[in-house]
Amino acid sequence: LYEGEEGEAIASTFKGDKKDLKLPENQINFIKKMRGKSEKPLVL
């Protein structure tokens, strides 16, 4: 949905390409928040 051919990746605002290489910011924030609440093993 995020990367693919022109017109195929419907969640892409760059016609299938990516503007950067990061995870979506909300996923980054979620992992950080989860890590802040627990020191238990976390596999990504």
PDB file of all heavy atoms in Angstrom:
ATOM      1  N   LEU A   1       0.824  -1.206   0.000  1.00  0.00           N
ATOM      2  CA  LEU A   1       0.000   0.000   0.000  1.00  0.00           C
ATOM      3  C   LEU A   1       0.856   1.252   0.000  1.00  0.00           C
ATOM      4  O   LEU A   1       0.416   2.318  -0.425  1.00  0.00           O
ATOM      5  CB  LEU A   1      -0.903   0.021   1.241  1.00  0.00           C
ATOM      6  CG  LEU A   1      -1.910  -1.118   1.385  1.00  0.00           C
ATOM      7  CD1 LEU A   1      -2.627  -1.004   2.725  1.00  0.00           C
ATOM      8  CD2 LEU A   1      -2.915  -1.100   0.237  1.00  0.00           C
ATOM      9  N   TYR A   2       2.078   1.114   0.472  1.00  0.00           N
ATOM     10  CA  TYR A   2       2.955   2.261   0.718  1.00  0.00           C
ATOM     11  C   TYR A   2       4.054   2.397  -0.326  1.00  0.00           C
ATOM     12  O   TYR A   2       4.552   3.488  -0.565  1.00  0.00           O
ATOM     13  CB  TYR A   2       3.574   2.097   2.111  1.00  0.00           C
ATOM     14  CG  TYR A   2       4.237   3.331   2.673  1.00  0.00           C
ATOM     15  CD1 TYR A   2       3.476   4.402   3.108  1.00  0.00           C
ATOM     16  CD2 TYR A   2       5.617   3.409   2.782  1.00  0.00           C
ATOM     17  CE1 TYR A   2       4.075   5.536   3.658  1.00  0.00           C
ATOM     18  CE2 TYR A   2       6.234   4.527   3.323  1.00  0.00           C
ATOM     19  CZ  TYR A   2       5.455   5.589   3.755  1.00  0.00           C
ATOM     20  OH  TYR A   2       6.052   6.706   4.286  1.00  0.00           O
ATOM     21  N   GLU A   3       4.448   1.285  -0.939  1.00  0.00           N
ATOM     22  CA  GLU A   3       5.501   1.312  -1.963  1.00  0.00           C
ATOM     23  C   GLU A   3       5.116   0.380  -3.097  1.00  0.00           C
ATOM     24  O   GLU A   3       4.556  -0.683  -2.879  1.00  0.00           O
ATOM     25  CB  GLU A   3       6.855   0.894  -1.374  1.00  0.00           C
ATOM     26  CG  GLU A   3       6.872  -0.522  -0.805  1.00  0.00           C
ATOM     27  CD  GLU A   3       8.245  -0.955  -0.312  1.00  0.00           C
ATOM     28  OE1 GLU A   3       9.222  -0.246  -0.549  1.00  0.00           O
ATOM     29  OE2 GLU A   3       8.310  -2.019   0.326  1.00  0.00           O
ATOM     30  N   GLY A   4       5.395   0.808  -4.324  1.00  0.00           N
ATOM     31  CA  GLY A   4       5.054  -0.022  -5.456  1.00  0.00           C
ATOM     32  C   GLY A   4       5.068   0.767  -6.748  1.00  0.00           C
ATOM     33  O   GLY A   4       5.709   1.815  -6.861  1.00  0.00           O
ATOM     34  N   GLU A   5       4.322   0.269  -7.722  1.00  0.00           N
ATOM     35  CA  GLU A   5       4.295   0.900  -9.030  1.00  0.00           C
ATOM     36  C   GLU A   5       3.401   2.133  -9.017  1.00  0.00           C
ATOM     37  O   GLU A   5       2.480   2.250  -8.204  1.00  0.00           O
ATOM     38  CB  GLU A   5       3.796  -0.100 -10.076  1.00  0.00           C
ATOM     39  CG  GLU A   5       3.967   0.361 -11.500  1.00  0.00           C
ATOM     40  CD  GLU A   5       3.695  -0.731 -12.503  1.00  0.00           C
ATOM     41  OE1 GLU A   5       3.257  -1.827 -12.098  1.00  0.00           O
ATOM     42  OE2 GLU A   5       3.926  -0.491 -13.695  1.00  0.00           O
ATOM     43  N   GLU A   6       3.665   3.027  -9.958  1.00  0.00           N
ATOM     44  CA  GLU A   6       2.836   4.204 -10.177  1.00  0.00           C
ATOM     45  C   GLU A   6       1.359   3.801 -10.182  1.00  0.00           C
ATOM     46  O   GLU A   6       0.929   2.993 -10.975  1.00  0.00           O
ATOM     47  CB  GLU A   6       3.209   4.809 -11.531  1.00  0.00           C
ATOM     48  CG  GLU A   6       2.307   5.911 -12.016  1.00  0.00           C
ATOM     49  CD  GLU A   6       2.507   6.180 -13.506  1.00  0.00           C
ATOM     50  OE1 GLU A   6       2.440   5.212 -14.286  1.00  0.00           O
ATOM     51  OE2 GLU A   6       2.728   7.335 -13.865  1.00  0.00           O
ATOM     52  N   GLY A   7       0.590   4.370  -9.260  1.00  0.00           N
ATOM     53  CA  GLY A   7      -0.840   4.087  -9.235  1.00  0.00           C
ATOM     54  C   GLY A   7      -1.250   2.900  -8.390  1.00  0.00           C
ATOM     55  O   GLY A   7      -2.424   2.748  -8.053  1.00  0.00           O
ATOM     56  N   GLU A   8      -0.308   2.023  -8.036  1.00  0.00           N
ATOM     57  CA  GLU A   8      -0.644   0.826  -7.266  1.00  0.00           C
ATOM     58  C   GLU A   8      -0.621   1.074  -5.762  1.00  0.00           C
ATOM     59  O   GLU A   8      -1.488   0.605  -5.033  1.00  0.00           O
ATOM     60  CB  GLU A   8       0.336  -0.304  -7.606  1.00  0.00           C
ATOM     61  CG  GLU A   8       0.045  -1.011  -8.912  1.00  0.00           C
ATOM     62  CD  GLU A   8      -1.155  -1.930  -8.825  1.00  0.00           C
ATOM     63  OE1 GLU A   8      -1.303  -2.648  -7.834  1.00  0.00           O
ATOM     64  OE2 GLU A   8      -1.963  -1.912  -9.759  1.00  0.00           O
ATOM     65  N   ALA A   9       0.390   1.796  -5.290  1.00  0.00           N
ATOM     66  CA  ALA A   9       0.570   2.000  -3.847  1.00  0.00           C
ATOM     67  C   ALA A   9      -0.325   3.148  -3.396  1.00  0.00           C
ATOM     68  O   ALA A   9       0.080   4.316  -3.395  1.00  0.00           O
ATOM     69  CB  ALA A   9       2.036   2.269  -3.536  1.00  0.00           C
ATOM     70  N   ILE A  10      -1.541   2.844  -2.985  1.00  0.00           N
ATOM     71  CA  ILE A  10      -2.551   3.878  -2.760  1.00  0.00           C
ATOM     72  C   ILE A  10      -2.305   4.699  -1.502  1.00  0.00           C
ATOM     73  O   ILE A  10      -2.925   5.755  -1.322  1.00  0.00           O
ATOM     74  CB  ILE A  10      -3.967   3.260  -2.719  1.00  0.00           C
ATOM     75  CG1 ILE A  10      -4.074   2.215  -1.601  1.00  0.00           C
ATOM     76  CG2 ILE A  10      -4.311   2.644  -4.069  1.00  0.00           C
ATOM     77  CD1 ILE A  10      -5.467   1.634  -1.454  1.00  0.00           C
ATOM     78  N   ALA A  11      -1.397   4.257  -0.629  1.00  0.00           N
ATOM     79  CA  ALA A  11      -1.066   5.054   0.551  1.00  0.00           C
ATOM     80  C   ALA A  11       0.152   5.940   0.324  1.00  0.00           C
ATOM     81  O   ALA A  11       0.543   6.699   1.195  1.00  0.00           O
ATOM     82  CB  ALA A  11      -0.825   4.148   1.759  1.00  0.00           C
ATOM     83  N   SER A  12       0.759   5.831  -0.877  1.00  0.00           N
ATOM     84  CA  SER A  12       1.934   6.630  -1.192  1.00  0.00           C
ATOM     85  C   SER A  12       1.517   7.967  -1.788  1.00  0.00           C
ATOM     86  O   SER A  12       0.657   8.023  -2.670  1.00  0.00           O
ATOM     87  CB  SER A  12       2.831   5.891  -2.191  1.00  0.00           C
ATOM     88  OG  SER A  12       3.828   6.742  -2.718  1.00  0.00           O
ATOM     89  N   THR A  13       2.139   9.034  -1.325  1.00  0.00           N
ATOM     90  CA  THR A  13       1.879  10.361  -1.891  1.00  0.00           C
ATOM     91  C   THR A  13       2.906  10.711  -2.956  1.00  0.00           C
ATOM     92  O   THR A  13       2.932  11.835  -3.455  1.00  0.00           O
ATOM     93  CB  THR A  13       1.890  11.432  -0.784  1.00  0.00           C
ATOM     94  OG1 THR A  13       3.145  11.373  -0.093  1.00  0.00           O
ATOM     95  CG2 THR A  13       0.755  11.213   0.199  1.00  0.00           C
ATOM     96  N   PHE A  14       3.763   9.735  -3.314  1.00  0.00           N
ATOM     97  CA  PHE A  14       4.807   9.963  -4.314  1.00  0.00           C
ATOM     98  C   PHE A  14       4.698   8.951  -5.459  1.00  0.00           C
ATOM     99  O   PHE A  14       5.705   8.493  -5.982  1.00  0.00           O
ATOM    100  CB  PHE A  14       6.186   9.906  -3.657  1.00  0.00           C
ATOM    101  CG  PHE A  14       6.408  11.005  -2.665  1.00  0.00           C
ATOM    102  CD1 PHE A  14       6.037  10.851  -1.342  1.00  0.00           C
ATOM    103  CD2 PHE A  14       6.951  12.214  -3.067  1.00  0.00           C
ATOM    104  CE1 PHE A  14       6.220  11.876  -0.424  1.00  0.00           C
ATOM    105  CE2 PHE A  14       7.134  13.250  -2.162  1.00  0.00           C
ATOM    106  CZ  PHE A  14       6.766  13.082  -0.838  1.00  0.00           C
ATOM    107  N   LYS A  15       3.463   8.604  -5.799  1.00  0.00           N
ATOM    108  CA  LYS A  15       3.183   7.701  -6.923  1.00  0.00           C
ATOM    109  C   LYS A  15       3.923   6.380  -6.805  1.00  0.00           C
ATOM    110  O   LYS A  15       4.420   5.838  -7.788  1.00  0.00           O
ATOM    111  CB  LYS A  15       3.494   8.389  -8.250  1.00  0.00           C
ATOM    112  CG  LYS A  15       2.580   9.579  -8.539  1.00  0.00           C
ATOM    113  CD  LYS A  15       2.749  10.097  -9.945  1.00  0.00           C
ATOM    114  CE  LYS A  15       1.772  11.240 -10.213  1.00  0.00           C
ATOM    115  NZ  LYS A  15       1.917  11.789 -11.580  1.00  0.00           N
ATOM    116  N   GLY A  16       3.998   5.856  -5.604  1.00  0.00           N
ATOM    117  CA  GLY A  16       4.603   4.550  -5.358  1.00  0.00           C
ATOM    118  C   GLY A  16       5.984   4.605  -4.755  1.00  0.00           C
ATOM    119  O   GLY A  16       6.433   3.639  -4.142  1.00  0.00           O
ATOM    120  N   ASP A  17       6.685   5.725  -4.925  1.00  0.00           N
ATOM    121  CA  ASP A  17       8.016   5.876  -4.336  1.00  0.00           C
ATOM    122  C   ASP A  17       7.906   6.358  -2.894  1.00  0.00           C
ATOM    123  O   ASP A  17       6.841   6.760  -2.421  1.00  0.00           O
ATOM    124  CB  ASP A  17       8.846   6.874  -5.147  1.00  0.00           C
ATOM    125  CG  ASP A  17       9.232   6.344  -6.514  1.00  0.00           C
ATOM    126  OD1 ASP A  17       9.344   5.111  -6.657  1.00  0.00           O
ATOM    127  OD2 ASP A  17       9.417   7.155  -7.433  1.00  0.00           O
ATOM    128  N   LYS A  18       9.036   6.331  -2.193  1.00  0.00           N
ATOM    129  CA  LYS A  18       9.101   6.821  -0.814  1.00  0.00           C
ATOM    130  C   LYS A  18       9.905   8.123  -0.785  1.00  0.00           C
ATOM    131  O   LYS A  18      10.904   8.250  -1.495  1.00  0.00           O
ATOM    132  CB  LYS A  18       9.773   5.792   0.089  1.00  0.00           C
ATOM    133  CG  LYS A  18       9.098   4.427   0.088  1.00  0.00           C
ATOM    134  CD  LYS A  18       9.653   3.500   1.158  1.00  0.00           C
ATOM    135  CE  LYS A  18      11.126   3.236   1.018  1.00  0.00           C
ATOM    136  NZ  LYS A  18      11.634   2.256   1.995  1.00  0.00           N
ATOM    137  N   LYS A  19       9.484   9.044   0.037  1.00  0.00           N
ATOM    138  CA  LYS A  19      10.251  10.297   0.161  1.00  0.00           C
ATOM    139  C   LYS A  19      11.408  10.128   1.126  1.00  0.00           C
ATOM    140  O   LYS A  19      12.401  10.854   1.068  1.00  0.00           O
ATOM    141  CB  LYS A  19       9.353  11.453   0.605  1.00  0.00           C
ATOM    142  CG  LYS A  19       8.853  11.365   2.034  1.00  0.00           C
ATOM    143  CD  LYS A  19       8.121  12.637   2.439  1.00  0.00           C
ATOM    144  CE  LYS A  19       7.652  12.561   3.886  1.00  0.00           C
ATOM    145  NZ  LYS A  19       6.995  13.811   4.330  1.00  0.00           N
ATOM    146  N   ASP A  20      11.283   9.202   2.064  1.00  0.00           N
ATOM    147  CA  ASP A  20      12.372   8.913   2.995  1.00  0.00           C
ATOM    148  C   ASP A  20      12.376   7.423   3.282  1.00  0.00           C
ATOM    149  O   ASP A  20      11.584   6.671   2.722  1.00  0.00           O
ATOM    150  CB  ASP A  20      12.249   9.735   4.277  1.00  0.00           C
ATOM    151  CG  ASP A  20      10.939   9.484   5.019  1.00  0.00           C
ATOM    152  OD1 ASP A  20      10.552   8.309   5.164  1.00  0.00           O
ATOM    153  OD2 ASP A  20      10.301  10.460   5.448  1.00  0.00           O
ATOM    154  N   LEU A  21      13.274   6.993   4.148  1.00  0.00           N
ATOM    155  CA  LEU A  21      13.444   5.565   4.417  1.00  0.00           C
ATOM    156  C   LEU A  21      12.962   5.168   5.804  1.00  0.00           C
ATOM    157  O   LEU A  21      13.130   4.014   6.209  1.00  0.00           O
ATOM    158  CB  LEU A  21      14.920   5.179   4.258  1.00  0.00           C
ATOM    159  CG  LEU A  21      15.614   5.643   2.981  1.00  0.00           C
ATOM    160  CD1 LEU A  21      17.055   5.146   2.955  1.00  0.00           C
ATOM    161  CD2 LEU A  21      14.868   5.190   1.744  1.00  0.00           C
ATOM    162  N   LYS A  22      12.369   6.099   6.511  1.00  0.00           N
ATOM    163  CA  LYS A  22      11.983   5.853   7.894  1.00  0.00           C
ATOM    164  C   LYS A  22      10.727   4.996   7.987  1.00  0.00           C
ATOM    165  O   LYS A  22       9.916   4.946   7.060  1.00  0.00           O
ATOM    166  CB  LYS A  22      11.720   7.184   8.605  1.00  0.00           C
ATOM    167  CG  LYS A  22      12.913   8.108   8.699  1.00  0.00           C
ATOM    168  CD  LYS A  22      12.528   9.461   9.288  1.00  0.00           C
ATOM    169  CE  LYS A  22      12.038   9.346  10.718  1.00  0.00           C
ATOM    170  NZ  LYS A  22      11.739  10.673  11.293  1.00  0.00           N
ATOM    171  N   LEU A  23      10.584   4.343   9.136  1.00  0.00           N
ATOM    172  CA  LEU A  23       9.284   3.797   9.484  1.00  0.00           C
ATOM    173  C   LEU A  23       8.302   4.954   9.622  1.00  0.00           C
ATOM    174  O   LEU A  23       8.709   6.081   9.950  1.00  0.00           O
ATOM    175  CB  LEU A  23       9.354   3.078  10.833  1.00  0.00           C
ATOM    176  CG  LEU A  23       9.662   1.590  10.897  1.00  0.00           C
ATOM    177  CD1 LEU A  23       9.650   1.139  12.347  1.00  0.00           C
ATOM    178  CD2 LEU A  23       8.685   0.769  10.094  1.00  0.00           C
ATOM    179  N   PRO A  24       7.017   4.718   9.389  1.00  0.00           N
ATOM    180  CA  PRO A  24       6.049   5.767   9.704  1.00  0.00           C
ATOM    181  C   PRO A  24       6.249   6.261  11.141  1.00  0.00           C
ATOM    182  O   PRO A  24       6.483   5.458  12.056  1.00  0.00           O
ATOM    183  CB  PRO A  24       4.709   5.059   9.525  1.00  0.00           C
ATOM    184  CG  PRO A  24       4.987   4.019   8.482  1.00  0.00           C
ATOM    185  CD  PRO A  24       6.387   3.553   8.774  1.00  0.00           C
ATOM    186  N   GLU A  25       6.166   7.560  11.325  1.00  0.00           N
ATOM    187  CA  GLU A  25       6.495   8.178  12.614  1.00  0.00           C
ATOM    188  C   GLU A  25       5.681   7.605  13.763  1.00  0.00           C
ATOM    189  O   GLU A  25       6.185   7.447  14.886  1.00  0.00           O
ATOM    190  CB  GLU A  25       6.284   9.690  12.525  1.00  0.00           C
ATOM    191  CG  GLU A  25       6.951  10.487  13.629  1.00  0.00           C
ATOM    192  CD  GLU A  25       8.471  10.449  13.552  1.00  0.00           C
ATOM    193  OE1 GLU A  25       9.002  10.403  12.425  1.00  0.00           O
ATOM    194  OE2 GLU A  25       9.122  10.456  14.617  1.00  0.00           O
ATOM    195  N   ASN A  26       4.408   7.284  13.510  1.00  0.00           N
ATOM    196  CA  ASN A  26       3.579   6.758  14.597  1.00  0.00           C
ATOM    197  C   ASN A  26       4.061   5.387  15.058  1.00  0.00           C
ATOM    198  O   ASN A  26       3.943   5.036  16.239  1.00  0.00           O
ATOM    199  CB  ASN A  26       2.110   6.697  14.181  1.00  0.00           C
ATOM    200  CG  ASN A  26       1.852   5.766  13.011  1.00  0.00           C
ATOM    201  OD1 ASN A  26       2.609   5.748  12.055  1.00  0.00           O
ATOM    202  ND2 ASN A  26       0.789   4.991  13.089  1.00  0.00           N
ATOM    203  N   GLN A  27       4.651   4.584  14.125  1.00  0.00           N
ATOM    204  CA  GLN A  27       5.202   3.297  14.535  1.00  0.00           C
ATOM    205  C   GLN A  27       6.461   3.489  15.383  1.00  0.00           C
ATOM    206  O   GLN A  27       6.673   2.770  16.372  1.00  0.00           O
ATOM    207  CB  GLN A  27       5.520   2.447  13.303  1.00  0.00           C
ATOM    208  CG  GLN A  27       4.300   2.018  12.504  1.00  0.00           C
ATOM    209  CD  GLN A  27       4.644   1.014  11.420  1.00  0.00           C
ATOM    210  OE1 GLN A  27       5.532   0.188  11.575  1.00  0.00           O
ATOM    211  NE2 GLN A  27       3.928   1.076  10.300  1.00  0.00           N
ATOM    212  N   ILE A  28       7.286   4.451  14.993  1.00  0.00           N
ATOM    213  CA  ILE A  28       8.482   4.764  15.785  1.00  0.00           C
ATOM    214  C   ILE A  28       8.082   5.168  17.197  1.00  0.00           C
ATOM    215  O   ILE A  28       8.630   4.666  18.194  1.00  0.00           O
ATOM    216  CB  ILE A  28       9.294   5.886  15.114  1.00  0.00           C
ATOM    217  CG1 ILE A  28       9.832   5.426  13.762  1.00  0.00           C
ATOM    218  CG2 ILE A  28      10.446   6.330  16.016  1.00  0.00           C
ATOM    219  CD1 ILE A  28      10.480   6.530  12.949  1.00  0.00           C
ATOM    220  N   ASN A  29       7.112   6.055  17.293  1.00  0.00           N
ATOM    221  CA  ASN A  29       6.661   6.540  18.600  1.00  0.00           C
ATOM    222  C   ASN A  29       6.063   5.420  19.438  1.00  0.00           C
ATOM    223  O   ASN A  29       6.246   5.382  20.664  1.00  0.00           O
ATOM    224  CB  ASN A  29       5.642   7.669  18.421  1.00  0.00           C
ATOM    225  CG  ASN A  29       6.259   8.907  17.797  1.00  0.00           C
ATOM    226  OD1 ASN A  29       7.471   9.126  17.882  1.00  0.00           O
ATOM    227  ND2 ASN A  29       5.440   9.729  17.165  1.00  0.00           N
ATOM    228  N   PHE A  30       5.367   4.511  18.780  1.00  0.00           N
ATOM    229  CA  PHE A  30       4.751   3.404  19.504  1.00  0.00           C
ATOM    230  C   PHE A  30       5.817   2.493  20.112  1.00  0.00           C
ATOM    231  O   PHE A  30       5.709   2.081  21.279  1.00  0.00           O
ATOM    232  CB  PHE A  30       3.858   2.607  18.547  1.00  0.00           C
ATOM    233  CG  PHE A  30       3.092   1.492  19.201  1.00  0.00           C
ATOM    234  CD1 PHE A  30       1.904   1.743  19.861  1.00  0.00           C
ATOM    235  CD2 PHE A  30       3.565   0.188  19.170  1.00  0.00           C
ATOM    236  CE1 PHE A  30       1.191   0.710  20.474  1.00  0.00           C
ATOM    237  CE2 PHE A  30       2.872  -0.845  19.766  1.00  0.00           C
ATOM    238  CZ  PHE A  30       1.680  -0.580  20.421  1.00  0.00           C
ATOM    239  N   ILE A  31       6.864   2.171  19.337  1.00  0.00           N
ATOM    240  CA  ILE A  31       7.944   1.331  19.859  1.00  0.00           C
ATOM    241  C   ILE A  31       8.630   2.033  21.030  1.00  0.00           C
ATOM    242  O   ILE A  31       8.929   1.405  22.071  1.00  0.00           O
ATOM    243  CB  ILE A  31       8.958   0.997  18.751  1.00  0.00           C
ATOM    244  CG1 ILE A  31       8.320   0.130  17.670  1.00  0.00           C
ATOM    245  CG2 ILE A  31      10.196   0.311  19.336  1.00  0.00           C
ATOM    246  CD1 ILE A  31       7.964  -1.258  18.104  1.00  0.00           C
ATOM    247  N   LYS A  32       8.889   3.313  20.906  1.00  0.00           N
ATOM    248  CA  LYS A  32       9.532   4.060  21.989  1.00  0.00           C
ATOM    249  C   LYS A  32       8.661   4.054  23.248  1.00  0.00           C
ATOM    250  O   LYS A  32       9.169   3.878  24.368  1.00  0.00           O
ATOM    251  CB  LYS A  32       9.800   5.497  21.552  1.00  0.00           C
ATOM    252  CG  LYS A  32      10.920   5.653  20.540  1.00  0.00           C
ATOM    253  CD  LYS A  32      11.113   7.118  20.162  1.00  0.00           C
ATOM    254  CE  LYS A  32      12.290   7.299  19.220  1.00  0.00           C
ATOM    255  NZ  LYS A  32      12.477   8.715  18.822  1.00  0.00           N
ATOM    256  N   LYS A  33       7.368   4.245  23.062  1.00  0.00           N
ATOM    257  CA  LYS A  33       6.453   4.268  24.206  1.00  0.00           C
ATOM    258  C   LYS A  33       6.389   2.894  24.878  1.00  0.00           C
ATOM    259  O   LYS A  33       6.392   2.782  26.115  1.00  0.00           O
ATOM    260  CB  LYS A  33       5.066   4.699  23.737  1.00  0.00           C
ATOM    261  CG  LYS A  33       4.078   4.982  24.857  1.00  0.00           C
ATOM    262  CD  LYS A  33       2.776   5.533  24.285  1.00  0.00           C
ATOM    263  CE  LYS A  33       1.782   5.829  25.398  1.00  0.00           C
ATOM    264  NZ  LYS A  33       0.492   6.347  24.851  1.00  0.00           N
ATOM    265  N   MET A  34       6.375   1.865  24.086  1.00  0.00           N
ATOM    266  CA  MET A  34       6.330   0.507  24.629  1.00  0.00           C
ATOM    267  C   MET A  34       7.617   0.193  25.392  1.00  0.00           C
ATOM    268  O   MET A  34       7.583  -0.407  26.475  1.00  0.00           O
ATOM    269  CB  MET A  34       6.125  -0.486  23.478  1.00  0.00           C
ATOM    270  CG  MET A  34       5.740  -1.883  23.912  1.00  0.00           C
ATOM    271  SD  MET A  34       4.880  -2.793  22.611  1.00  0.00           S
ATOM    272  CE  MET A  34       5.955  -2.543  21.224  1.00  0.00           C
ATOM    273  N   ARG A  35       8.761   0.610  24.821  1.00  0.00           N
ATOM    274  CA  ARG A  35      10.040   0.400  25.497  1.00  0.00           C
ATOM    275  C   ARG A  35      10.083   1.150  26.819  1.00  0.00           C
ATOM    276  O   ARG A  35      10.644   0.649  27.809  1.00  0.00           O
ATOM    277  CB  ARG A  35      11.173   0.876  24.581  1.00  0.00           C
ATOM    278  CG  ARG A  35      12.570   0.792  25.190  1.00  0.00           C
ATOM    279  CD  ARG A  35      13.211  -0.576  25.046  1.00  0.00           C
ATOM    280  NE  ARG A  35      12.599  -1.634  25.829  1.00  0.00           N
ATOM    281  CZ  ARG A  35      12.935  -2.920  25.745  1.00  0.00           C
ATOM    282  NH1 ARG A  35      13.870  -3.311  24.899  1.00  0.00           N
ATOM    283  NH2 ARG A  35      12.352  -3.822  26.484  1.00  0.00           N
ATOM    284  N   GLY A  36       9.453   2.330  26.865  1.00  0.00           N
ATOM    285  CA  GLY A  36       9.447   3.122  28.091  1.00  0.00           C
ATOM    286  C   GLY A  36       8.638   2.503  29.211  1.00  0.00           C
ATOM    287  O   GLY A  36       8.851   2.825  30.383  1.00  0.00           O
ATOM    288  N   LYS A  37       7.713   1.621  28.845  1.00  0.00           N
ATOM    289  CA  LYS A  37       6.858   0.997  29.853  1.00  0.00           C
ATOM    290  C   LYS A  37       7.342  -0.385  30.277  1.00  0.00           C
ATOM    291  O   LYS A  37       6.801  -0.967  31.218  1.00  0.00           O
ATOM    292  CB  LYS A  37       5.427   0.886  29.324  1.00  0.00           C
ATOM    293  CG  LYS A  37       4.730   2.232  29.162  1.00  0.00           C
ATOM    294  CD  LYS A  37       3.277   2.049  28.775  1.00  0.00           C
ATOM    295  CE  LYS A  37       2.553   3.384  28.687  1.00  0.00           C
ATOM    296  NZ  LYS A  37       1.121   3.226  28.366  1.00  0.00           N
ATOM    297  N   SER A  38       8.329  -0.926  29.574  1.00  0.00           N
ATOM    298  CA  SER A  38       8.763  -2.282  29.887  1.00  0.00           C
ATOM    299  C   SER A  38      10.210  -2.490  29.490  1.00  0.00           C
ATOM    300  O   SER A  38      10.648  -2.035  28.435  1.00  0.00           O
ATOM    301  CB  SER A  38       7.878  -3.300  29.156  1.00  0.00           C
ATOM    302  OG  SER A  38       8.394  -4.604  29.309  1.00  0.00           O
ATOM    303  N   GLU A  39      10.940  -3.209  30.345  1.00  0.00           N
ATOM    304  CA  GLU A  39      12.312  -3.618  30.026  1.00  0.00           C
ATOM    305  C   GLU A  39      12.364  -5.075  29.599  1.00  0.00           C
ATOM    306  O   GLU A  39      13.432  -5.635  29.398  1.00  0.00           O
ATOM    307  CB  GLU A  39      13.223  -3.394  31.235  1.00  0.00           C
ATOM    308  CG  GLU A  39      13.458  -1.934  31.569  1.00  0.00           C
ATOM    309  CD  GLU A  39      14.119  -1.181  30.424  1.00  0.00           C
ATOM    310  OE1 GLU A  39      15.054  -1.737  29.806  1.00  0.00           O
ATOM    311  OE2 GLU A  39      13.682  -0.053  30.128  1.00  0.00           O
ATOM    312  N   LYS A  40      11.179  -5.692  29.458  1.00  0.00           N
ATOM    313  CA  LYS A  40      11.121  -7.086  29.013  1.00  0.00           C
ATOM    314  C   LYS A  40      11.621  -7.189  27.565  1.00  0.00           C
ATOM    315  O   LYS A  40      11.589  -6.214  26.811  1.00  0.00           O
ATOM    316  CB  LYS A  40       9.682  -7.598  29.100  1.00  0.00           C
ATOM    317  CG  LYS A  40       9.101  -7.634  30.512  1.00  0.00           C
ATOM    318  CD  LYS A  40       9.659  -8.796  31.295  1.00  0.00           C
ATOM    319  CE  LYS A  40       8.956  -8.950  32.644  1.00  0.00           C
ATOM    320  NZ  LYS A  40       7.534  -9.319  32.513  1.00  0.00           N
ATOM    321  N   PRO A  41      12.068  -8.365  27.137  1.00  0.00           N
ATOM    322  CA  PRO A  41      12.586  -8.518  25.774  1.00  0.00           C
ATOM    323  C   PRO A  41      11.589  -8.059  24.710  1.00  0.00           C
ATOM    324  O   PRO A  41      10.397  -8.393  24.765  1.00  0.00           O
ATOM    325  CB  PRO A  41      12.842 -10.026  25.674  1.00  0.00           C
ATOM    326  CG  PRO A  41      13.117 -10.453  27.076  1.00  0.00           C
ATOM    327  CD  PRO A  41      12.221  -9.614  27.925  1.00  0.00           C
ATOM    328  N   LEU A  42      12.110  -7.308  23.749  1.00  0.00           N
ATOM    329  CA  LEU A  42      11.293  -6.745  22.685  1.00  0.00           C
ATOM    330  C   LEU A  42      11.933  -7.092  21.335  1.00  0.00           C
ATOM    331  O   LEU A  42      13.057  -6.679  21.045  1.00  0.00           O
ATOM    332  CB  LEU A  42      11.190  -5.225  22.839  1.00  0.00           C
ATOM    333  CG  LEU A  42      10.473  -4.442  21.739  1.00  0.00           C
ATOM    334  CD1 LEU A  42       9.042  -4.935  21.537  1.00  0.00           C
ATOM    335  CD2 LEU A  42      10.481  -2.953  22.074  1.00  0.00           C
ATOM    336  N   VAL A  43      11.213  -7.868  20.546  1.00  0.00           N
ATOM    337  CA  VAL A  43      11.674  -8.291  19.227  1.00  0.00           C
ATOM    338  C   VAL A  43      10.920  -7.481  18.174  1.00  0.00           C
ATOM    339  O   VAL A  43       9.691  -7.488  18.137  1.00  0.00           O
ATOM    340  CB  VAL A  43      11.434  -9.800  19.006  1.00  0.00           C
ATOM    341  CG1 VAL A  43      11.844 -10.214  17.592  1.00  0.00           C
ATOM    342  CG2 VAL A  43      12.177 -10.618  20.051  1.00  0.00           C
ATOM    343  N   LEU A  44      11.659  -6.792  17.322  1.00  0.00           N
ATOM    344  CA  LEU A  44      11.062  -6.000  16.256  1.00  0.00           C
ATOM    345  C   LEU A  44      11.155  -6.767  14.944  1.00  0.00           C
ATOM    346  O   LEU A  44      12.249  -7.065  14.458  1.00  0.00           O
ATOM    347  CB  LEU A  44      11.771  -4.653  16.132  1.00  0.00           C
ATOM    348  CG  LEU A  44      11.313  -3.734  14.994  1.00  0.00           C
ATOM    349  CD1 LEU A  44       9.834  -3.363  15.139  1.00  0.00           C
ATOM    350  CD2 LEU A  44      12.175  -2.477  14.936  1.00  0.00           C
TER     351      LEU A  44
END
